[in-house]
Amino acid sequence: QVQLVESGGGLVHPGGSLGLSCALSGSIFSIYIMGWYRQAPGKQRELVATISSGGTTNYADSVKGRFTISRDNAKNTAYLQMNSLKPEDTAVYYCNARNMWVPAREYWGQGTQVTVSS
């Protein structure tokens, strides 16, 4: 059974930085496209960033230049480094793993709260 465990959320001031981690267990990490999504209160869940096994990245326009997604295949872990945080980045952030060969097989983490406030 694939499990995703997230860590690293919290409260940060505007302009600050925060890093999230997502550890995958129960499967071969390298076959998954890893992604981060977020959901703010009253809004739909939206894509933040994705990274392929080979390191190709994709970002939402709203976070380009501020957020960096990365992965360590040896540690079965994906990361999201968030810099220059804004209040509108406040949301629950979810880690996602999507099987690159069978896209219907995707898994979600439990979510971690990120709050940007002064």
PDB file of N, CA and C in Angstrom:
ATOM      1  N   GLN A   1       0.842  -1.184   0.000  1.00  0.00           N
ATOM      2  CA  GLN A   1       0.000   0.000   0.000  1.00  0.00           C
ATOM      3  C   GLN A   1       0.883   1.242   0.000  1.00  0.00           C
ATOM      4  N   VAL A   2       0.645   2.125  -0.970  1.00  0.00           N
ATOM      5  CA  VAL A   2       1.439   3.353  -1.053  1.00  0.00           C
ATOM      6  C   VAL A   2       0.968   4.321   0.015  1.00  0.00           C
ATOM      7  N   GLN A   3       1.901   4.886   0.725  1.00  0.00           N
ATOM      8  CA  GLN A   3       1.597   5.912   1.718  1.00  0.00           C
ATOM      9  C   GLN A   3       2.480   7.123   1.492  1.00  0.00           C
ATOM     10  N   LEU A   4       1.884   8.288   1.674  1.00  0.00           N
ATOM     11  CA  LEU A   4       2.606   9.554   1.581  1.00  0.00           C
ATOM     12  C   LEU A   4       2.497  10.252   2.930  1.00  0.00           C
ATOM     13  N   VAL A   5       3.628  10.633   3.466  1.00  0.00           N
ATOM     14  CA  VAL A   5       3.649  11.330   4.748  1.00  0.00           C
ATOM     15  C   VAL A   5       4.302  12.685   4.553  1.00  0.00           C
ATOM     16  N   GLU A   6       3.550  13.721   4.855  1.00  0.00           N
ATOM     17  CA  GLU A   6       4.031  15.089   4.673  1.00  0.00           C
ATOM     18  C   GLU A   6       4.513  15.666   5.997  1.00  0.00           C
ATOM     19  N   SER A   7       5.400  16.619   5.880  1.00  0.00           N
ATOM     20  CA  SER A   7       5.854  17.338   7.063  1.00  0.00           C
ATOM     21  C   SER A   7       6.327  18.719   6.642  1.00  0.00           C
ATOM     22  N   GLY A   8       6.364  19.634   7.611  1.00  0.00           N
ATOM     23  CA  GLY A   8       6.977  20.916   7.364  1.00  0.00           C
ATOM     24  C   GLY A   8       6.060  22.119   7.322  1.00  0.00           C
ATOM     25  N   GLY A   9       4.782  21.950   7.460  1.00  0.00           N
ATOM     26  CA  GLY A   9       3.890  23.100   7.429  1.00  0.00           C
ATOM     27  C   GLY A   9       4.022  23.935   8.688  1.00  0.00           C
ATOM     28  N   GLY A  10       3.323  25.068   8.698  1.00  0.00           N
ATOM     29  CA  GLY A  10       3.350  25.913   9.872  1.00  0.00           C
ATOM     30  C   GLY A  10       2.936  27.330   9.567  1.00  0.00           C
ATOM     31  N   LEU A  11       3.267  28.217  10.501  1.00  0.00           N
ATOM     32  CA  LEU A  11       2.937  29.633  10.393  1.00  0.00           C
ATOM     33  C   LEU A  11       4.193  30.417  10.043  1.00  0.00           C
ATOM     34  N   VAL A  12       4.071  31.305   9.074  1.00  0.00           N
ATOM     35  CA  VAL A  12       5.213  32.112   8.654  1.00  0.00           C
ATOM     36  C   VAL A  12       4.724  33.516   8.313  1.00  0.00           C
ATOM     37  N   HIS A  13       5.589  34.496   8.503  1.00  0.00           N
ATOM     38  CA  HIS A  13       5.249  35.872   8.168  1.00  0.00           C
ATOM     39  C   HIS A  13       5.336  36.088   6.665  1.00  0.00           C
ATOM     40  N   PRO A  14       4.604  37.058   6.147  1.00  0.00           N
ATOM     41  CA  PRO A  14       4.750  37.393   4.716  1.00  0.00           C
ATOM     42  C   PRO A  14       6.199  37.710   4.366  1.00  0.00           C
ATOM     43  N   GLY A  15       6.631  37.176   3.239  1.00  0.00           N
ATOM     44  CA  GLY A  15       8.019  37.331   2.825  1.00  0.00           C
ATOM     45  C   GLY A  15       8.935  36.252   3.338  1.00  0.00           C
ATOM     46  N   GLY A  16       8.438  35.422   4.213  1.00  0.00           N
ATOM     47  CA  GLY A  16       9.247  34.360   4.794  1.00  0.00           C
ATOM     48  C   GLY A  16       9.310  33.127   3.922  1.00  0.00           C
ATOM     49  N   SER A  17       9.988  32.110   4.445  1.00  0.00           N
ATOM     50  CA  SER A  17      10.191  30.852   3.719  1.00  0.00           C
ATOM     51  C   SER A  17       9.754  29.666   4.564  1.00  0.00           C
ATOM     52  N   LEU A  18       9.399  28.624   3.851  1.00  0.00           N
ATOM     53  CA  LEU A  18       8.988  27.379   4.505  1.00  0.00           C
ATOM     54  C   LEU A  18       9.269  26.230   3.554  1.00  0.00           C
ATOM     55  N   GLY A  19       9.655  25.079   4.114  1.00  0.00           N
ATOM     56  CA  GLY A  19       9.906  23.913   3.293  1.00  0.00           C
ATOM     57  C   GLY A  19       9.001  22.768   3.690  1.00  0.00           C
ATOM     58  N   LEU A  20       8.486  22.072   2.685  1.00  0.00           N
ATOM     59  CA  LEU A  20       7.644  20.899   2.908  1.00  0.00           C
ATOM     60  C   LEU A  20       8.366  19.654   2.395  1.00  0.00           C
ATOM     61  N   SER A  21       8.102  18.529   3.041  1.00  0.00           N
ATOM     62  CA  SER A  21       8.649  17.252   2.606  1.00  0.00           C
ATOM     63  C   SER A  21       7.519  16.244   2.456  1.00  0.00           C
ATOM     64  N   CYS A  22       7.726  15.287   1.555  1.00  0.00           N
ATOM     65  CA  CYS A  22       6.735  14.233   1.342  1.00  0.00           C
ATOM     66  C   CYS A  22       7.481  12.924   1.121  1.00  0.00           C
ATOM     67  N   ALA A  23       7.342  12.022   2.060  1.00  0.00           N
ATOM     68  CA  ALA A  23       8.019  10.724   1.983  1.00  0.00           C
ATOM     69  C   ALA A  23       7.044   9.657   1.509  1.00  0.00           C
ATOM     70  N   LEU A  24       7.464   8.926   0.489  1.00  0.00           N
ATOM     71  CA  LEU A  24       6.635   7.846  -0.071  1.00  0.00           C
ATOM     72  C   LEU A  24       7.153   6.502   0.406  1.00  0.00           C
ATOM     73  N   SER A  25       6.237   5.637   0.761  1.00  0.00           N
ATOM     74  CA  SER A  25       6.595   4.266   1.135  1.00  0.00           C
ATOM     75  C   SER A  25       5.625   3.289   0.488  1.00  0.00           C
ATOM     76  N   GLY A  26       6.060   2.043   0.355  1.00  0.00           N
ATOM     77  CA  GLY A  26       5.183   1.008  -0.172  1.00  0.00           C
ATOM     78  C   GLY A  26       5.266   0.795  -1.663  1.00  0.00           C
ATOM     79  N   SER A  27       6.145   1.494  -2.344  1.00  0.00           N
ATOM     80  CA  SER A  27       6.269   1.313  -3.778  1.00  0.00           C
ATOM     81  C   SER A  27       7.601   1.873  -4.246  1.00  0.00           C
ATOM     82  N   ILE A  28       7.828   1.767  -5.540  1.00  0.00           N
ATOM     83  CA  ILE A  28       9.073   2.274  -6.123  1.00  0.00           C
ATOM     84  C   ILE A  28       8.906   3.748  -6.438  1.00  0.00           C
ATOM     85  N   PHE A  29       9.633   4.581  -5.742  1.00  0.00           N
ATOM     86  CA  PHE A  29       9.443   6.030  -5.831  1.00  0.00           C
ATOM     87  C   PHE A  29       9.651   6.548  -7.248  1.00  0.00           C
ATOM     88  N   SER A  30      10.584   5.976  -7.966  1.00  0.00           N
ATOM     89  CA  SER A  30      10.969   6.550  -9.257  1.00  0.00           C
ATOM     90  C   SER A  30       9.903   6.418 -10.336  1.00  0.00           C
ATOM     91  N   ILE A  31       8.869   5.614 -10.122  1.00  0.00           N
ATOM     92  CA  ILE A  31       7.844   5.477 -11.148  1.00  0.00           C
ATOM     93  C   ILE A  31       6.733   6.518 -10.998  1.00  0.00           C
ATOM     94  N   TYR A  32       6.869   7.363  -9.993  1.00  0.00           N
ATOM     95  CA  TYR A  32       5.824   8.339  -9.709  1.00  0.00           C
ATOM     96  C   TYR A  32       6.233   9.750 -10.101  1.00  0.00           C
ATOM     97  N   ILE A  33       5.279  10.434 -10.742  1.00  0.00           N
ATOM     98  CA  ILE A  33       5.367  11.875 -10.885  1.00  0.00           C
ATOM     99  C   ILE A  33       4.878  12.447  -9.557  1.00  0.00           C
ATOM    100  N   MET A  34       5.699  13.257  -8.938  1.00  0.00           N
ATOM    101  CA  MET A  34       5.342  13.827  -7.643  1.00  0.00           C
ATOM    102  C   MET A  34       4.818  15.250  -7.826  1.00  0.00           C
ATOM    103  N   GLY A  35       3.842  15.587  -7.025  1.00  0.00           N
ATOM    104  CA  GLY A  35       3.268  16.926  -7.141  1.00  0.00           C
ATOM    105  C   GLY A  35       2.821  17.473  -5.802  1.00  0.00           C
ATOM    106  N   TRP A  36       2.687  18.763  -5.778  1.00  0.00           N
ATOM    107  CA  TRP A  36       2.113  19.468  -4.626  1.00  0.00           C
ATOM    108  C   TRP A  36       0.879  20.234  -5.103  1.00  0.00           C
ATOM    109  N   TYR A  37      -0.188  20.106  -4.351  1.00  0.00           N
ATOM    110  CA  TYR A  37      -1.429  20.823  -4.597  1.00  0.00           C
ATOM    111  C   TYR A  37      -1.785  21.574  -3.326  1.00  0.00           C
ATOM    112  N   ARG A  38      -2.674  22.537  -3.444  1.00  0.00           N
ATOM    113  CA  ARG A  38      -3.121  23.249  -2.256  1.00  0.00           C
ATOM    114  C   ARG A  38      -4.603  23.579  -2.362  1.00  0.00           C
ATOM    115  N   GLN A  39      -5.199  23.717  -1.202  1.00  0.00           N
ATOM    116  CA  GLN A  39      -6.615  24.068  -1.150  1.00  0.00           C
ATOM    117  C   GLN A  39      -6.825  25.090  -0.048  1.00  0.00           C
ATOM    118  N   ALA A  40      -7.254  26.274  -0.462  1.00  0.00           N
ATOM    119  CA  ALA A  40      -7.572  27.341   0.485  1.00  0.00           C
ATOM    120  C   ALA A  40      -9.046  27.219   0.873  1.00  0.00           C
ATOM    121  N   PRO A  41      -9.421  27.777   2.015  1.00  0.00           N
ATOM    122  CA  PRO A  41     -10.821  27.697   2.450  1.00  0.00           C
ATOM    123  C   PRO A  41     -11.766  28.253   1.394  1.00  0.00           C
ATOM    124  N   GLY A  42     -12.781  27.488   1.076  1.00  0.00           N
ATOM    125  CA  GLY A  42     -13.784  27.934   0.121  1.00  0.00           C
ATOM    126  C   GLY A  42     -13.365  27.861  -1.329  1.00  0.00           C
ATOM    127  N   LYS A  43     -12.196  27.305  -1.589  1.00  0.00           N
ATOM    128  CA  LYS A  43     -11.692  27.217  -2.963  1.00  0.00           C
ATOM    129  C   LYS A  43     -11.428  25.765  -3.346  1.00  0.00           C
ATOM    130  N   GLN A  44     -11.317  25.542  -4.652  1.00  0.00           N
ATOM    131  CA  GLN A  44     -10.991  24.212  -5.136  1.00  0.00           C
ATOM    132  C   GLN A  44      -9.507  23.935  -4.963  1.00  0.00           C
ATOM    133  N   ARG A  45      -9.191  22.658  -4.896  1.00  0.00           N
ATOM    134  CA  ARG A  45      -7.790  22.260  -4.845  1.00  0.00           C
ATOM    135  C   ARG A  45      -7.125  22.627  -6.162  1.00  0.00           C
ATOM    136  N   GLU A  46      -5.915  23.179  -6.087  1.00  0.00           N
ATOM    137  CA  GLU A  46      -5.227  23.615  -7.291  1.00  0.00           C
ATOM    138  C   GLU A  46      -3.794  23.090  -7.315  1.00  0.00           C
ATOM    139  N   LEU A  47      -3.304  22.922  -8.526  1.00  0.00           N
ATOM    140  CA  LEU A  47      -1.929  22.476  -8.708  1.00  0.00           C
ATOM    141  C   LEU A  47      -0.956  23.561  -8.293  1.00  0.00           C
ATOM    142  N   VAL A  48       0.075  23.167  -7.583  1.00  0.00           N
ATOM    143  CA  VAL A  48       1.170  24.084  -7.249  1.00  0.00           C
ATOM    144  C   VAL A  48       2.384  23.778  -8.129  1.00  0.00           C
ATOM    145  N   ALA A  49       2.824  22.530  -8.122  1.00  0.00           N
ATOM    146  CA  ALA A  49       3.999  22.142  -8.894  1.00  0.00           C
ATOM    147  C   ALA A  49       4.065  20.634  -9.035  1.00  0.00           C
ATOM    148  N   THR A  50       4.710  20.185 -10.105  1.00  0.00           N
ATOM    149  CA  THR A  50       4.965  18.760 -10.286  1.00  0.00           C
ATOM    150  C   THR A  50       6.406  18.553 -10.725  1.00  0.00           C
ATOM    151  N   ILE A  51       6.887  17.322 -10.497  1.00  0.00           N
ATOM    152  CA  ILE A  51       8.233  16.972 -10.932  1.00  0.00           C
ATOM    153  C   ILE A  51       8.242  15.517 -11.371  1.00  0.00           C
ATOM    154  N   SER A  52       8.825  15.283 -12.537  1.00  0.00           N
ATOM    155  CA  SER A  52       8.906  13.922 -13.060  1.00  0.00           C
ATOM    156  C   SER A  52      10.066  13.183 -12.408  1.00  0.00           C
ATOM    157  N   SER A  53      10.147  11.896 -12.689  1.00  0.00           N
ATOM    158  CA  SER A  53      11.241  11.111 -12.150  1.00  0.00           C
ATOM    159  C   SER A  53      12.587  11.632 -12.626  1.00  0.00           C
ATOM    160  N   GLY A  54      12.613  12.153 -13.839  1.00  0.00           N
ATOM    161  CA  GLY A  54      13.855  12.679 -14.390  1.00  0.00           C
ATOM    162  C   GLY A  54      14.158  14.110 -13.993  1.00  0.00           C
ATOM    163  N   GLY A  55      13.221  14.745 -13.279  1.00  0.00           N
ATOM    164  CA  GLY A  55      13.481  16.093 -12.784  1.00  0.00           C
ATOM    165  C   GLY A  55      12.818  17.219 -13.561  1.00  0.00           C
ATOM    166  N   THR A  56      11.998  16.889 -14.543  1.00  0.00           N
ATOM    167  CA  THR A  56      11.267  17.941 -15.263  1.00  0.00           C
ATOM    168  C   THR A  56      10.201  18.527 -14.354  1.00  0.00           C
ATOM    169  N   THR A  57      10.189  19.855 -14.271  1.00  0.00           N
ATOM    170  CA  THR A  57       9.270  20.519 -13.339  1.00  0.00           C
ATOM    171  C   THR A  57       8.219  21.338 -14.067  1.00  0.00           C
ATOM    172  N   ASN A  58       7.134  21.563 -13.353  1.00  0.00           N
ATOM    173  CA  ASN A  58       6.028  22.371 -13.861  1.00  0.00           C
ATOM    174  C   ASN A  58       5.450  23.135 -12.685  1.00  0.00           C
ATOM    175  N   TYR A  59       5.182  24.438 -12.881  1.00  0.00           N
ATOM    176  CA  TYR A  59       4.699  25.283 -11.794  1.00  0.00           C
ATOM    177  C   TYR A  59       3.447  26.041 -12.188  1.00  0.00           C
ATOM    178  N   ALA A  60       2.608  26.284 -11.210  1.00  0.00           N
ATOM    179  CA  ALA A  60       1.517  27.222 -11.412  1.00  0.00           C
ATOM    180  C   ALA A  60       2.106  28.618 -11.574  1.00  0.00           C
ATOM    181  N   ASP A  61       1.456  29.432 -12.397  1.00  0.00           N
ATOM    182  CA  ASP A  61       1.974  30.784 -12.630  1.00  0.00           C
ATOM    183  C   ASP A  61       2.109  31.571 -11.324  1.00  0.00           C
ATOM    184  N   SER A  62       1.210  31.315 -10.402  1.00  0.00           N
ATOM    185  CA  SER A  62       1.183  32.099  -9.165  1.00  0.00           C
ATOM    186  C   SER A  62       2.387  31.844  -8.261  1.00  0.00           C
ATOM    187  N   VAL A  63       3.118  30.752  -8.497  1.00  0.00           N
ATOM    188  CA  VAL A  63       4.250  30.438  -7.617  1.00  0.00           C
ATOM    189  C   VAL A  63       5.586  30.433  -8.352  1.00  0.00           C
ATOM    190  N   LYS A  64       5.568  30.629  -9.659  1.00  0.00           N
ATOM    191  CA  LYS A  64       6.818  30.617 -10.434  1.00  0.00           C
ATOM    192  C   LYS A  64       7.786  31.664  -9.908  1.00  0.00           C
ATOM    193  N   GLY A  65       9.027  31.251  -9.747  1.00  0.00           N
ATOM    194  CA  GLY A  65      10.053  32.162  -9.248  1.00  0.00           C
ATOM    195  C   GLY A  65      10.111  32.252  -7.732  1.00  0.00           C
ATOM    196  N   ARG A  66       9.119  31.694  -7.047  1.00  0.00           N
ATOM    197  CA  ARG A  66       9.103  31.735  -5.576  1.00  0.00           C
ATOM    198  C   ARG A  66       9.202  30.339  -4.965  1.00  0.00           C
ATOM    199  N   PHE A  67       8.597  29.361  -5.615  1.00  0.00           N
ATOM    200  CA  PHE A  67       8.581  27.989  -5.090  1.00  0.00           C
ATOM    201  C   PHE A  67       9.494  27.114  -5.936  1.00  0.00           C
ATOM    202  N   THR A  68      10.087  26.124  -5.294  1.00  0.00           N
ATOM    203  CA  THR A  68      10.923  25.159  -5.997  1.00  0.00           C
ATOM    204  C   THR A  68      10.554  23.745  -5.547  1.00  0.00           C
ATOM    205  N   ILE A  69      10.202  22.909  -6.522  1.00  0.00           N
ATOM    206  CA  ILE A  69       9.932  21.515  -6.229  1.00  0.00           C
ATOM    207  C   ILE A  69      11.165  20.702  -6.575  1.00  0.00           C
ATOM    208  N   SER A  70      11.448  19.702  -5.762  1.00  0.00           N
ATOM    209  CA  SER A  70      12.595  18.833  -6.015  1.00  0.00           C
ATOM    210  C   SER A  70      12.280  17.443  -5.480  1.00  0.00           C
ATOM    211  N   ARG A  71      13.156  16.502  -5.811  1.00  0.00           N
ATOM    212  CA  ARG A  71      12.967  15.142  -5.315  1.00  0.00           C
ATOM    213  C   ARG A  71      14.315  14.482  -5.131  1.00  0.00           C
ATOM    214  N   ASP A  72      14.354  13.560  -4.196  1.00  0.00           N
ATOM    215  CA  ASP A  72      15.539  12.740  -3.965  1.00  0.00           C
ATOM    216  C   ASP A  72      15.095  11.293  -4.103  1.00  0.00           C
ATOM    217  N   ASN A  73      15.385  10.690  -5.250  1.00  0.00           N
ATOM    218  CA  ASN A  73      14.929   9.332  -5.512  1.00  0.00           C
ATOM    219  C   ASN A  73      15.564   8.314  -4.564  1.00  0.00           C
ATOM    220  N   ALA A  74      16.741   8.626  -4.061  1.00  0.00           N
ATOM    221  CA  ALA A  74      17.398   7.707  -3.122  1.00  0.00           C
ATOM    222  C   ALA A  74      16.717   7.713  -1.757  1.00  0.00           C
ATOM    223  N   LYS A  75      16.066   8.825  -1.443  1.00  0.00           N
ATOM    224  CA  LYS A  75      15.394   8.955  -0.130  1.00  0.00           C
ATOM    225  C   LYS A  75      13.879   8.811  -0.235  1.00  0.00           C
ATOM    226  N   ASN A  76      13.385   8.545  -1.454  1.00  0.00           N
ATOM    227  CA  ASN A  76      11.935   8.404  -1.666  1.00  0.00           C
ATOM    228  C   ASN A  76      11.158   9.614  -1.166  1.00  0.00           C
ATOM    229  N   THR A  77      11.712  10.794  -1.394  1.00  0.00           N
ATOM    230  CA  THR A  77      11.135  12.003  -0.827  1.00  0.00           C
ATOM    231  C   THR A  77      11.084  13.119  -1.856  1.00  0.00           C
ATOM    232  N   ALA A  78       9.970  13.846  -1.835  1.00  0.00           N
ATOM    233  CA  ALA A  78       9.809  15.047  -2.633  1.00  0.00           C
ATOM    234  C   ALA A  78       9.751  16.244  -1.695  1.00  0.00           C
ATOM    235  N   TYR A  79      10.140  17.386  -2.242  1.00  0.00           N
ATOM    236  CA  TYR A  79      10.223  18.600  -1.425  1.00  0.00           C
ATOM    237  C   TYR A  79       9.554  19.768  -2.138  1.00  0.00           C
ATOM    238  N   LEU A  80       9.119  20.724  -1.337  1.00  0.00           N
ATOM    239  CA  LEU A  80       8.650  21.984  -1.884  1.00  0.00           C
ATOM    240  C   LEU A  80       9.241  23.100  -1.031  1.00  0.00           C
ATOM    241  N   GLN A  81      10.132  23.860  -1.623  1.00  0.00           N
ATOM    242  CA  GLN A  81      10.711  25.025  -0.945  1.00  0.00           C
ATOM    243  C   GLN A  81       9.915  26.247  -1.359  1.00  0.00           C
ATOM    244  N   MET A  82       9.379  26.946  -0.382  1.00  0.00           N
ATOM    245  CA  MET A  82       8.534  28.099  -0.639  1.00  0.00           C
ATOM    246  C   MET A  82       9.199  29.347  -0.079  1.00  0.00           C
ATOM    247  N   ASN A  83       9.499  30.282  -0.955  1.00  0.00           N
ATOM    248  CA  ASN A  83      10.124  31.547  -0.573  1.00  0.00           C
ATOM    249  C   ASN A  83       9.191  32.708  -0.900  1.00  0.00           C
ATOM    250  N   SER A  84       9.475  33.850  -0.322  1.00  0.00           N
ATOM    251  CA  SER A  84       8.677  35.067  -0.577  1.00  0.00           C
ATOM    252  C   SER A  84       7.196  34.781  -0.432  1.00  0.00           C
ATOM    253  N   LEU A  85       6.857  34.147   0.658  1.00  0.00           N
ATOM    254  CA  LEU A  85       5.472  33.731   0.855  1.00  0.00           C
ATOM    255  C   LEU A  85       4.539  34.918   1.022  1.00  0.00           C
ATOM    256  N   LYS A  86       3.322  34.757   0.504  1.00  0.00           N
ATOM    257  CA  LYS A  86       2.295  35.791   0.558  1.00  0.00           C
ATOM    258  C   LYS A  86       1.085  35.254   1.324  1.00  0.00           C
ATOM    259  N   PRO A  87       0.274  36.127   1.862  1.00  0.00           N
ATOM    260  CA  PRO A  87      -0.932  35.657   2.560  1.00  0.00           C
ATOM    261  C   PRO A  87      -1.808  34.769   1.686  1.00  0.00           C
ATOM    262  N   GLU A  88      -1.825  35.047   0.386  1.00  0.00           N
ATOM    263  CA  GLU A  88      -2.659  34.230  -0.507  1.00  0.00           C
ATOM    264  C   GLU A  88      -2.101  32.830  -0.726  1.00  0.00           C
ATOM    265  N   ASP A  89      -0.929  32.537  -0.219  1.00  0.00           N
ATOM    266  CA  ASP A  89      -0.387  31.179  -0.267  1.00  0.00           C
ATOM    267  C   ASP A  89      -0.943  30.316   0.877  1.00  0.00           C
ATOM    268  N   THR A  90      -1.673  30.943   1.773  1.00  0.00           N
ATOM    269  CA  THR A  90      -2.256  30.202   2.886  1.00  0.00           C
ATOM    270  C   THR A  90      -3.217  29.139   2.373  1.00  0.00           C
ATOM    271  N   ALA A  91      -2.988  27.905   2.787  1.00  0.00           N
ATOM    272  CA  ALA A  91      -3.804  26.784   2.308  1.00  0.00           C
ATOM    273  C   ALA A  91      -3.339  25.507   2.994  1.00  0.00           C
ATOM    274  N   VAL A  92      -4.098  24.458   2.793  1.00  0.00           N
ATOM    275  CA  VAL A  92      -3.621  23.123   3.127  1.00  0.00           C
ATOM    276  C   VAL A  92      -2.902  22.588   1.895  1.00  0.00           C
ATOM    277  N   TYR A  93      -1.687  22.163   2.086  1.00  0.00           N
ATOM    278  CA  TYR A  93      -0.867  21.661   0.982  1.00  0.00           C
ATOM    279  C   TYR A  93      -0.867  20.134   1.005  1.00  0.00           C
ATOM    280  N   TYR A  94      -1.126  19.556  -0.159  1.00  0.00           N
ATOM    281  CA  TYR A  94      -1.210  18.107  -0.286  1.00  0.00           C
ATOM    282  C   TYR A  94      -0.133  17.593  -1.233  1.00  0.00           C
ATOM    283  N   CYS A  95       0.493  16.530  -0.844  1.00  0.00           N
ATOM    284  CA  CYS A  95       1.432  15.828  -1.700  1.00  0.00           C
ATOM    285  C   CYS A  95       0.663  14.818  -2.548  1.00  0.00           C
ATOM    286  N   ASN A  96       1.076  14.682  -3.795  1.00  0.00           N
ATOM    287  CA  ASN A  96       0.430  13.749  -4.720  1.00  0.00           C
ATOM    288  C   ASN A  96       1.481  12.906  -5.430  1.00  0.00           C
ATOM    289  N   ALA A  97       1.191  11.630  -5.578  1.00  0.00           N
ATOM    290  CA  ALA A  97       2.062  10.731  -6.349  1.00  0.00           C
ATOM    291  C   ALA A  97       1.221  10.068  -7.431  1.00  0.00           C
ATOM    292  N   ARG A  98       1.620  10.239  -8.670  1.00  0.00           N
ATOM    293  CA  ARG A  98       0.871   9.670  -9.793  1.00  0.00           C
ATOM    294  C   ARG A  98       1.778   8.725 -10.575  1.00  0.00           C
ATOM    295  N   ASN A  99       1.318   7.481 -10.714  1.00  0.00           N
ATOM    296  CA  ASN A  99       2.085   6.467 -11.429  1.00  0.00           C
ATOM    297  C   ASN A  99       2.269   6.890 -12.885  1.00  0.00           C
ATOM    298  N   MET A 100       3.508   6.982 -13.323  1.00  0.00           N
ATOM    299  CA  MET A 100       3.765   7.489 -14.673  1.00  0.00           C
ATOM    300  C   MET A 100       3.285   6.530 -15.752  1.00  0.00           C
ATOM    301  N   TRP A 101       3.116   5.248 -15.424  1.00  0.00           N
ATOM    302  CA  TRP A 101       2.666   4.269 -16.411  1.00  0.00           C
ATOM    303  C   TRP A 101       1.155   4.031 -16.327  1.00  0.00           C
ATOM    304  N   VAL A 102       0.598   4.228 -15.157  1.00  0.00           N
ATOM    305  CA  VAL A 102      -0.835   4.021 -14.940  1.00  0.00           C
ATOM    306  C   VAL A 102      -1.360   5.250 -14.191  1.00  0.00           C
ATOM    307  N   PRO A 103      -1.642   6.328 -14.925  1.00  0.00           N
ATOM    308  CA  PRO A 103      -2.011   7.597 -14.284  1.00  0.00           C
ATOM    309  C   PRO A 103      -3.197   7.512 -13.334  1.00  0.00           C
ATOM    310  N   ALA A 104      -4.061   6.536 -13.546  1.00  0.00           N
ATOM    311  CA  ALA A 104      -5.215   6.406 -12.652  1.00  0.00           C
ATOM    312  C   ALA A 104      -4.798   5.998 -11.248  1.00  0.00           C
ATOM    313  N   ARG A 105      -3.603   5.479 -11.124  1.00  0.00           N
ATOM    314  CA  ARG A 105      -3.086   5.114  -9.803  1.00  0.00           C
ATOM    315  C   ARG A 105      -2.361   6.320  -9.224  1.00  0.00           C
ATOM    316  N   GLU A 106      -3.090   7.048  -8.428  1.00  0.00           N
ATOM    317  CA  GLU A 106      -2.493   8.195  -7.768  1.00  0.00           C
ATOM    318  C   GLU A 106      -2.865   8.180  -6.295  1.00  0.00           C
ATOM    319  N   TYR A 107      -2.023   8.800  -5.519  1.00  0.00           N
ATOM    320  CA  TYR A 107      -2.149   8.770  -4.075  1.00  0.00           C
ATOM    321  C   TYR A 107      -1.951  10.172  -3.522  1.00  0.00           C
ATOM    322  N   TRP A 108      -2.577  10.389  -2.360  1.00  0.00           N
ATOM    323  CA  TRP A 108      -2.520  11.704  -1.724  1.00  0.00           C
ATOM    324  C   TRP A 108      -2.014  11.596  -0.300  1.00  0.00           C
ATOM    325  N   GLY A 109      -1.289  12.619   0.104  1.00  0.00           N
ATOM    326  CA  GLY A 109      -0.911  12.741   1.498  1.00  0.00           C
ATOM    327  C   GLY A 109      -2.078  13.286   2.315  1.00  0.00           C
ATOM    328  N   GLN A 110      -1.847  13.390   3.605  1.00  0.00           N
ATOM    329  CA  GLN A 110      -2.916  13.808   4.519  1.00  0.00           C
ATOM    330  C   GLN A 110      -3.108  15.321   4.527  1.00  0.00           C
ATOM    331  N   GLY A 111      -2.160  16.034   3.986  1.00  0.00           N
ATOM    332  CA  GLY A 111      -2.250  17.493   3.953  1.00  0.00           C
ATOM    333  C   GLY A 111      -1.535  18.125   5.137  1.00  0.00           C
ATOM    334  N   THR A 112      -0.950  19.282   4.877  1.00  0.00           N
ATOM    335  CA  THR A 112      -0.277  20.032   5.938  1.00  0.00           C
ATOM    336  C   THR A 112      -0.636  21.508   5.780  1.00  0.00           C
ATOM    337  N   GLN A 113      -0.953  22.142   6.892  1.00  0.00           N
ATOM    338  CA  GLN A 113      -1.414  23.536   6.859  1.00  0.00           C
ATOM    339  C   GLN A 113      -0.221  24.494   6.732  1.00  0.00           C
ATOM    340  N   VAL A 114      -0.349  25.416   5.804  1.00  0.00           N
ATOM    341  CA  VAL A 114       0.606  26.516   5.673  1.00  0.00           C
ATOM    342  C   VAL A 114      -0.184  27.807   5.844  1.00  0.00           C
ATOM    343  N   THR A 115       0.220  28.605   6.808  1.00  0.00           N
ATOM    344  CA  THR A 115      -0.451  29.871   7.082  1.00  0.00           C
ATOM    345  C   THR A 115       0.562  31.001   6.986  1.00  0.00           C
ATOM    346  N   VAL A 116       0.247  31.976   6.132  1.00  0.00           N
ATOM    347  CA  VAL A 116       1.123  33.135   5.954  1.00  0.00           C
ATOM    348  C   VAL A 116       0.379  34.349   6.507  1.00  0.00           C
ATOM    349  N   SER A 117       0.871  34.848   7.602  1.00  0.00           N
ATOM    350  CA  SER A 117       0.171  35.936   8.284  1.00  0.00           C
ATOM    351  C   SER A 117       1.146  36.721   9.144  1.00  0.00           C
ATOM    352  N   SER A 118       0.851  38.007   9.256  1.00  0.00           N
ATOM    353  CA  SER A 118       1.668  38.843  10.143  1.00  0.00           C
ATOM    354  C   SER A 118       1.068  38.883  11.533  1.00  0.00           C
TER     355      SER A 118
END
